[in-house]
Amino acid sequence: MPEIKIVTEVAGRICATPVQVGGTVVDDDEIVFVEAMKMEIPVPAPASGTLTSLLVKIDDLVAEGQTIAIVAS
């Protein structure tokens, strides 16, 4: 199973993690939400598969381009 790294496109604070490790995702499902500029920006899954690793938790600060999760497709 190939692993796909999921990265943020914006810097901000993790405000929600609707998918738990081991959960199944479909292409474009929201993995986490990043709060930036008073907006909640979704970070979608780039492919269908299983969320094998969530590298952040709520209230963590993330940088643009930071790997935040891994999906096995």
N, C-alpha and C. Protein backbone atom coordinates (compact mmCIF):
# COMPACT_ATOMS: atom_id res chain seq x y z
N MET A 1 0.83 -1.19 0.00
CA MET A 1 0.00 0.00 0.00
C MET A 1 0.87 1.25 0.00
N PRO A 2 0.73 2.09 -1.00
CA PRO A 2 1.51 3.34 -1.00
C PRO A 2 0.97 4.30 0.06
N GLU A 3 1.91 5.02 0.69
CA GLU A 3 1.54 6.02 1.68
C GLU A 3 1.60 7.39 1.05
N ILE A 4 0.60 8.21 1.35
CA ILE A 4 0.51 9.56 0.82
C ILE A 4 0.59 10.54 1.99
N LYS A 5 1.56 11.44 1.94
CA LYS A 5 1.68 12.47 2.97
C LYS A 5 0.71 13.60 2.67
N ILE A 6 0.03 14.05 3.70
CA ILE A 6 -0.91 15.17 3.57
C ILE A 6 -0.26 16.38 4.21
N VAL A 7 -0.18 17.47 3.46
CA VAL A 7 0.47 18.69 3.94
C VAL A 7 -0.52 19.85 3.96
N THR A 8 -0.24 20.84 4.82
CA THR A 8 -1.07 22.03 4.88
C THR A 8 -0.63 23.02 3.80
N GLU A 9 -1.57 23.79 3.32
CA GLU A 9 -1.26 24.84 2.35
C GLU A 9 -1.14 26.20 3.01
N VAL A 10 -1.54 26.27 4.29
CA VAL A 10 -1.48 27.53 5.03
C VAL A 10 -0.93 27.28 6.43
N ALA A 11 -0.34 28.30 7.02
CA ALA A 11 0.09 28.24 8.41
C ALA A 11 -1.10 28.60 9.29
N GLY A 12 -1.18 28.02 10.46
CA GLY A 12 -2.27 28.34 11.36
C GLY A 12 -2.33 27.39 12.53
N ARG A 13 -3.52 27.28 13.12
CA ARG A 13 -3.75 26.44 14.30
C ARG A 13 -4.75 25.35 13.94
N ILE A 14 -4.47 24.11 14.32
CA ILE A 14 -5.41 23.01 14.09
C ILE A 14 -6.62 23.23 14.98
N CYS A 15 -7.81 23.29 14.37
CA CYS A 15 -9.02 23.56 15.15
C CYS A 15 -10.01 22.39 15.14
N ALA A 16 -9.81 21.40 14.26
CA ALA A 16 -10.69 20.23 14.24
C ALA A 16 -9.99 19.08 13.52
N THR A 17 -10.26 17.86 14.01
CA THR A 17 -9.73 16.65 13.38
C THR A 17 -10.87 15.65 13.26
N PRO A 18 -11.72 15.78 12.24
CA PRO A 18 -12.92 14.95 12.14
C PRO A 18 -12.65 13.47 11.85
N VAL A 19 -11.47 13.12 11.37
CA VAL A 19 -11.17 11.72 11.05
C VAL A 19 -10.14 11.21 12.04
N GLN A 20 -10.37 10.05 12.61
CA GLN A 20 -9.45 9.45 13.57
C GLN A 20 -8.55 8.44 12.86
N VAL A 21 -7.39 8.16 13.45
CA VAL A 21 -6.46 7.17 12.89
C VAL A 21 -7.20 5.84 12.76
N GLY A 22 -7.04 5.21 11.61
CA GLY A 22 -7.73 3.95 11.32
C GLY A 22 -9.01 4.17 10.54
N GLY A 23 -9.45 5.42 10.46
CA GLY A 23 -10.67 5.74 9.73
C GLY A 23 -10.46 5.71 8.23
N THR A 24 -11.52 5.43 7.51
CA THR A 24 -11.49 5.40 6.05
C THR A 24 -11.84 6.78 5.51
N VAL A 25 -11.09 7.22 4.49
CA VAL A 25 -11.38 8.50 3.85
C VAL A 25 -11.57 8.27 2.35
N VAL A 26 -12.34 9.15 1.76
CA VAL A 26 -12.57 9.16 0.32
C VAL A 26 -11.89 10.41 -0.22
N ASP A 27 -11.47 10.38 -1.45
CA ASP A 27 -10.83 11.53 -2.10
C ASP A 27 -11.60 12.80 -1.78
N ASP A 28 -10.91 13.81 -1.26
CA ASP A 28 -11.44 15.13 -0.90
C ASP A 28 -12.16 15.19 0.45
N ASP A 29 -12.21 14.10 1.22
CA ASP A 29 -12.72 14.19 2.59
C ASP A 29 -11.81 15.11 3.39
N GLU A 30 -12.37 15.89 4.29
CA GLU A 30 -11.56 16.76 5.14
C GLU A 30 -10.91 15.95 6.24
N ILE A 31 -9.57 16.01 6.32
CA ILE A 31 -8.82 15.30 7.35
C ILE A 31 -8.71 16.16 8.61
N VAL A 32 -8.35 17.42 8.44
CA VAL A 32 -8.27 18.37 9.54
C VAL A 32 -8.73 19.74 9.04
N PHE A 33 -8.96 20.64 10.00
CA PHE A 33 -9.26 22.03 9.68
C PHE A 33 -8.20 22.90 10.34
N VAL A 34 -7.67 23.85 9.57
CA VAL A 34 -6.67 24.78 10.06
C VAL A 34 -7.32 26.16 10.17
N GLU A 35 -7.21 26.77 11.34
CA GLU A 35 -7.72 28.13 11.53
C GLU A 35 -6.62 29.11 11.15
N ALA A 36 -6.94 29.94 10.15
CA ALA A 36 -5.99 30.95 9.68
C ALA A 36 -6.79 32.16 9.24
N MET A 37 -6.38 33.34 9.66
CA MET A 37 -7.04 34.59 9.28
C MET A 37 -8.53 34.56 9.63
N LYS A 38 -8.85 33.98 10.80
CA LYS A 38 -10.22 33.89 11.30
C LYS A 38 -11.13 33.03 10.41
N MET A 39 -10.52 32.14 9.63
CA MET A 39 -11.28 31.22 8.78
C MET A 39 -10.85 29.80 9.11
N GLU A 40 -11.77 28.84 8.95
CA GLU A 40 -11.43 27.43 9.11
C GLU A 40 -11.21 26.84 7.71
N ILE A 41 -9.98 26.47 7.44
CA ILE A 41 -9.61 25.99 6.11
C ILE A 41 -9.45 24.48 6.15
N PRO A 42 -10.24 23.75 5.34
CA PRO A 42 -10.13 22.29 5.36
C PRO A 42 -8.87 21.81 4.64
N VAL A 43 -8.30 20.72 5.14
CA VAL A 43 -7.19 20.05 4.48
C VAL A 43 -7.75 18.71 3.99
N PRO A 44 -7.95 18.55 2.68
CA PRO A 44 -8.60 17.34 2.16
C PRO A 44 -7.63 16.18 1.93
N ALA A 45 -8.19 15.00 1.91
CA ALA A 45 -7.42 13.81 1.55
C ALA A 45 -7.19 13.84 0.04
N PRO A 46 -5.97 13.61 -0.42
CA PRO A 46 -5.69 13.63 -1.85
C PRO A 46 -6.11 12.35 -2.57
N ALA A 47 -6.46 11.31 -1.80
CA ALA A 47 -6.86 10.03 -2.39
C ALA A 47 -7.67 9.25 -1.36
N SER A 48 -8.38 8.24 -1.81
CA SER A 48 -9.12 7.37 -0.90
C SER A 48 -8.17 6.41 -0.22
N GLY A 49 -8.51 6.02 1.01
CA GLY A 49 -7.69 5.07 1.74
C GLY A 49 -7.99 5.09 3.23
N THR A 50 -6.99 4.70 4.02
CA THR A 50 -7.11 4.65 5.47
C THR A 50 -6.13 5.63 6.09
N LEU A 51 -6.61 6.42 7.04
CA LEU A 51 -5.75 7.35 7.75
C LEU A 51 -4.88 6.52 8.70
N THR A 52 -3.59 6.43 8.40
CA THR A 52 -2.69 5.60 9.21
C THR A 52 -1.95 6.39 10.27
N SER A 53 -1.83 7.71 10.09
CA SER A 53 -1.11 8.52 11.06
C SER A 53 -1.63 9.95 11.04
N LEU A 54 -1.89 10.49 12.22
CA LEU A 54 -2.28 11.89 12.38
C LEU A 54 -1.20 12.54 13.22
N LEU A 55 -0.42 13.42 12.63
CA LEU A 55 0.78 13.97 13.26
C LEU A 55 0.53 15.26 14.04
N VAL A 56 -0.72 15.69 14.11
CA VAL A 56 -1.08 16.91 14.83
C VAL A 56 -2.29 16.64 15.72
N LYS A 57 -2.51 17.57 16.66
CA LYS A 57 -3.71 17.50 17.49
C LYS A 57 -4.31 18.91 17.58
N ILE A 58 -5.50 19.00 18.09
CA ILE A 58 -6.18 20.30 18.20
C ILE A 58 -5.31 21.26 19.01
N ASP A 59 -5.24 22.49 18.53
CA ASP A 59 -4.48 23.61 19.08
C ASP A 59 -3.00 23.61 18.69
N ASP A 60 -2.53 22.60 17.95
CA ASP A 60 -1.15 22.64 17.46
C ASP A 60 -1.02 23.73 16.40
N LEU A 61 0.13 24.39 16.39
CA LEU A 61 0.43 25.35 15.34
C LEU A 61 1.17 24.63 14.23
N VAL A 62 0.78 24.92 12.97
CA VAL A 62 1.40 24.27 11.82
C VAL A 62 1.93 25.32 10.85
N ALA A 63 2.95 24.94 10.11
CA ALA A 63 3.54 25.81 9.11
C ALA A 63 3.04 25.40 7.72
N GLU A 64 3.11 26.33 6.79
CA GLU A 64 2.76 26.03 5.41
C GLU A 64 3.67 24.92 4.90
N GLY A 65 3.07 23.90 4.28
CA GLY A 65 3.84 22.79 3.73
C GLY A 65 4.20 21.70 4.73
N GLN A 66 3.74 21.81 5.97
CA GLN A 66 4.05 20.82 7.00
C GLN A 66 3.22 19.56 6.79
N THR A 67 3.85 18.39 6.93
CA THR A 67 3.13 17.13 6.85
C THR A 67 2.33 16.96 8.13
N ILE A 68 1.01 16.70 7.98
CA ILE A 68 0.15 16.61 9.16
C ILE A 68 -0.50 15.23 9.31
N ALA A 69 -0.50 14.44 8.23
CA ALA A 69 -1.15 13.13 8.30
C ALA A 69 -0.62 12.25 7.16
N ILE A 70 -0.88 10.95 7.30
CA ILE A 70 -0.49 10.00 6.26
C ILE A 70 -1.68 9.08 5.97
N VAL A 71 -1.96 8.91 4.68
CA VAL A 71 -3.05 8.03 4.24
C VAL A 71 -2.44 6.90 3.41
N ALA A 72 -2.85 5.68 3.70
CA ALA A 72 -2.44 4.53 2.90
C ALA A 72 -3.57 4.25 1.92
N SER A 73 -3.23 4.27 0.63
CA SER A 73 -4.27 4.06 -0.39
C SER A 73 -4.22 2.67 -0.95
